[in-house]
N, C-alpha and C. Protein backbone atom coordinates (compact mmCIF):
# COMPACT_ATOMS: atom_id res chain seq x y z
N MET A 1 96.73 -69.41 -158.07
CA MET A 1 95.89 -69.46 -156.74
C MET A 1 95.76 -71.14 -156.68
N PRO A 2 96.71 -71.33 -155.71
CA PRO A 2 97.02 -72.78 -155.42
C PRO A 2 95.77 -73.60 -155.72
N LYS A 3 95.38 -74.57 -156.45
CA LYS A 3 94.71 -75.41 -156.86
C LYS A 3 93.78 -75.87 -155.69
N GLU A 4 94.33 -76.09 -154.19
CA GLU A 4 93.27 -76.46 -153.01
C GLU A 4 92.70 -75.56 -152.43
N THR A 5 93.29 -74.16 -152.94
CA THR A 5 91.50 -72.80 -152.17
C THR A 5 91.33 -73.05 -153.59
N LYS A 6 91.62 -73.56 -154.70
CA LYS A 6 90.69 -72.93 -155.63
C LYS A 6 89.40 -74.49 -155.37
N GLU A 7 89.26 -76.02 -155.50
CA GLU A 7 88.64 -76.73 -155.09
C GLU A 7 87.95 -75.85 -153.59
N VAL A 8 88.02 -75.46 -152.47
CA VAL A 8 87.61 -75.35 -151.30
C VAL A 8 86.96 -74.42 -152.12
N GLU A 9 86.79 -72.68 -152.48
CA GLU A 9 86.03 -72.44 -152.99
C GLU A 9 85.07 -72.86 -154.07
N ASP A 10 85.53 -73.43 -155.08
CA ASP A 10 84.06 -74.41 -155.28
C ASP A 10 82.98 -74.94 -154.86
N LYS A 11 83.46 -75.81 -153.63
CA LYS A 11 82.70 -76.22 -152.98
C LYS A 11 81.87 -75.36 -152.24
N GLU A 12 82.44 -74.84 -151.98
CA GLU A 12 80.95 -73.55 -150.69
C GLU A 12 80.43 -73.18 -151.41
N ILE A 13 80.92 -72.88 -152.78
CA ILE A 13 79.30 -71.95 -153.95
C ILE A 13 78.84 -73.36 -154.20
N THR A 14 78.93 -74.08 -154.60
CA THR A 14 78.12 -74.99 -155.01
C THR A 14 77.11 -75.83 -153.96
N GLN A 15 77.63 -75.52 -152.65
CA GLN A 15 76.86 -76.16 -151.45
C GLN A 15 75.06 -75.69 -151.76
N PRO A 16 74.12 -76.38 -151.48
CA PRO A 16 72.74 -76.31 -151.81
C PRO A 16 72.72 -75.56 -150.54
N ASP A 17 71.21 -74.61 -150.94
CA ASP A 17 70.47 -73.70 -149.53
C ASP A 17 70.17 -75.25 -148.60
N PRO A 18 69.95 -75.34 -147.12
CA PRO A 18 69.11 -76.14 -146.36
C PRO A 18 68.42 -76.25 -146.58
N THR A 19 67.33 -77.48 -146.09
CA THR A 19 66.38 -77.40 -145.93
C THR A 19 65.16 -77.22 -144.65
N VAL A 20 64.03 -76.76 -145.45
CA VAL A 20 63.35 -75.32 -144.39
C VAL A 20 63.75 -76.51 -142.67
N GLU A 21 63.40 -77.92 -142.20
CA GLU A 21 63.61 -78.88 -141.40
C GLU A 21 65.10 -78.44 -141.17
N GLU A 22 66.27 -78.16 -141.59
CA GLU A 22 67.51 -77.94 -140.93
C GLU A 22 67.40 -76.48 -140.65
N LEU A 23 66.56 -75.90 -141.14
CA LEU A 23 67.26 -74.52 -140.97
C LEU A 23 65.90 -74.32 -138.93
N ALA A 24 64.76 -74.63 -139.94
CA ALA A 24 63.66 -74.87 -137.94
C ALA A 24 64.46 -75.14 -136.93
N GLU A 25 64.98 -76.09 -137.38
CA GLU A 25 66.13 -76.62 -135.99
C GLU A 25 67.48 -75.98 -135.44
N LEU A 26 67.92 -75.25 -136.71
CA LEU A 26 69.40 -74.20 -136.34
C LEU A 26 68.27 -72.81 -135.64
N LEU A 27 67.07 -72.59 -135.91
CA LEU A 27 66.70 -70.99 -135.78
C LEU A 27 65.50 -71.45 -134.61
N LYS A 28 65.59 -72.52 -133.84
CA LYS A 28 64.58 -73.35 -132.85
C LYS A 28 63.02 -72.73 -133.64
N VAL A 29 62.79 -73.26 -133.88
CA VAL A 29 61.23 -72.63 -134.49
C VAL A 29 60.81 -74.06 -133.76
N GLU A 30 59.46 -73.68 -133.09
CA GLU A 30 58.66 -74.70 -132.89
C GLU A 30 58.19 -75.41 -133.36
N PRO A 31 57.40 -77.01 -133.50
CA PRO A 31 57.17 -77.51 -134.29
C PRO A 31 56.10 -77.03 -134.58
N TRP A 32 55.51 -76.81 -134.29
CA TRP A 32 53.77 -76.12 -135.04
C TRP A 32 54.11 -74.91 -135.67
N ALA A 33 55.08 -73.99 -135.87
CA ALA A 33 54.84 -73.25 -136.39
C ALA A 33 55.67 -73.76 -137.85
N LEU A 34 57.11 -74.44 -137.71
CA LEU A 34 56.89 -74.89 -138.63
C LEU A 34 55.90 -75.26 -139.87
N ALA A 35 55.37 -76.27 -139.29
CA ALA A 35 53.88 -76.82 -140.18
C ALA A 35 53.35 -75.57 -140.29
N GLY A 36 52.91 -75.01 -140.02
CA GLY A 36 52.14 -73.79 -140.64
C GLY A 36 53.04 -72.92 -141.49
N LEU A 37 54.13 -73.24 -141.15
CA LEU A 37 54.80 -72.26 -142.36
C LEU A 37 54.57 -72.93 -143.33
N ARG A 38 55.22 -74.19 -143.27
CA ARG A 38 55.32 -75.28 -144.59
C ARG A 38 53.32 -74.93 -145.33
N VAL A 39 52.32 -74.80 -144.64
CA VAL A 39 51.21 -75.00 -144.99
C VAL A 39 51.33 -73.82 -146.07
N ARG A 40 51.56 -72.28 -144.85
CA ARG A 40 51.07 -71.47 -145.92
C ARG A 40 51.92 -71.36 -146.95
N MET A 41 53.40 -71.63 -146.90
CA MET A 41 54.10 -71.42 -148.35
C MET A 41 54.44 -72.57 -149.64
N GLY A 42 53.04 -73.46 -148.69
CA GLY A 42 53.29 -74.82 -149.32
C GLY A 42 55.00 -75.25 -150.02
N TRP A 43 55.45 -75.15 -149.25
CA TRP A 43 56.88 -75.78 -148.97
C TRP A 43 56.29 -77.52 -148.41
N ALA A 44 57.04 -78.56 -149.67
CA ALA A 44 57.30 -80.11 -149.21
C ALA A 44 57.98 -80.46 -148.16
N VAL A 45 58.18 -81.43 -147.52
CA VAL A 45 59.12 -81.79 -146.16
C VAL A 45 60.16 -81.88 -147.35
N GLY A 46 61.56 -81.47 -146.87
CA GLY A 46 62.97 -81.68 -147.51
C GLY A 46 62.89 -79.96 -148.38
N THR A 47 62.11 -79.72 -148.86
CA THR A 47 62.12 -78.61 -149.30
C THR A 47 63.33 -77.56 -149.26
N ARG A 48 64.38 -76.81 -150.31
CA ARG A 48 65.33 -76.51 -149.85
C ARG A 48 64.99 -74.59 -150.35
N VAL A 49 65.25 -74.01 -149.23
CA VAL A 49 65.53 -72.36 -149.46
C VAL A 49 66.34 -71.72 -148.98
N SER A 50 67.08 -70.54 -149.04
CA SER A 50 68.15 -69.61 -148.22
C SER A 50 67.64 -69.43 -147.05
N ARG A 51 68.26 -69.25 -145.98
CA ARG A 51 68.16 -69.07 -144.78
C ARG A 51 67.38 -67.57 -144.74
N ALA A 52 67.48 -66.67 -145.64
CA ALA A 52 66.93 -65.14 -145.33
C ALA A 52 65.75 -65.48 -145.76
N GLN A 53 65.37 -66.60 -147.53
CA GLN A 53 63.75 -66.43 -147.43
C GLN A 53 63.33 -67.27 -146.61
N PHE A 54 64.05 -67.77 -145.98
CA PHE A 54 63.00 -68.95 -144.99
C PHE A 54 63.05 -67.58 -143.67
N GLU A 55 63.79 -66.65 -142.81
CA GLU A 55 63.47 -66.30 -142.16
C GLU A 55 62.19 -64.64 -142.56
N ARG A 56 62.96 -64.97 -143.37
CA ARG A 56 61.82 -63.92 -143.74
C ARG A 56 60.02 -64.24 -143.39
N ALA A 57 60.18 -65.52 -144.54
CA ALA A 57 59.05 -66.26 -144.38
C ALA A 57 57.95 -66.36 -143.04
N LEU A 58 59.29 -66.95 -142.19
CA LEU A 58 58.29 -67.33 -141.00
C LEU A 58 58.24 -66.09 -139.88
N ARG A 59 58.74 -64.68 -140.20
CA ARG A 59 58.61 -63.31 -139.64
C ARG A 59 56.90 -63.02 -140.54
N GLU A 60 57.02 -63.37 -141.15
CA GLU A 60 55.74 -63.29 -141.98
C GLU A 60 54.58 -64.02 -141.47
N PHE A 61 54.93 -65.15 -141.23
CA PHE A 61 53.56 -66.00 -141.12
C PHE A 61 53.65 -65.68 -139.69
N LEU A 62 54.58 -65.31 -138.12
CA LEU A 62 53.90 -65.06 -137.44
C LEU A 62 53.68 -63.87 -136.44
N GLN A 63 54.02 -62.80 -137.64
CA GLN A 63 53.28 -61.74 -137.30
C GLN A 63 52.35 -60.84 -138.15
N GLY A 64 52.14 -61.90 -139.28
CA GLY A 64 51.20 -61.48 -140.46
C GLY A 64 49.20 -61.29 -139.77
N PRO A 65 48.60 -61.32 -141.22
CA PRO A 65 47.49 -61.52 -141.50
C PRO A 65 47.42 -63.07 -140.92
N THR A 66 46.05 -63.56 -140.78
CA THR A 66 46.34 -65.49 -140.27
C THR A 66 45.91 -65.62 -142.16
N ALA A 67 45.31 -65.21 -142.86
CA ALA A 67 44.72 -65.73 -144.10
C ALA A 67 46.54 -64.81 -145.33
N LYS A 68 46.24 -65.36 -146.28
CA LYS A 68 47.49 -64.97 -147.14
C LYS A 68 46.52 -64.85 -148.29
N GLU A 69 46.86 -63.49 -148.74
CA GLU A 69 46.28 -62.52 -149.66
C GLU A 69 47.03 -63.31 -151.36
């Protein structure tokens, strides 16, 4: 394997998850929804989560009960 390709693959693997703010911007989440989601999930500003985790939490927040059990 060429050294160039190996370096690119290593960089892709080691990239951290995006922040909740970056995901909210990418997915066009309203500010009130992000604020509520962060409170419900206990996420501080700058918390890094996977896109799948963020989308699942957002869906549960928007469609679920108002109180987390």
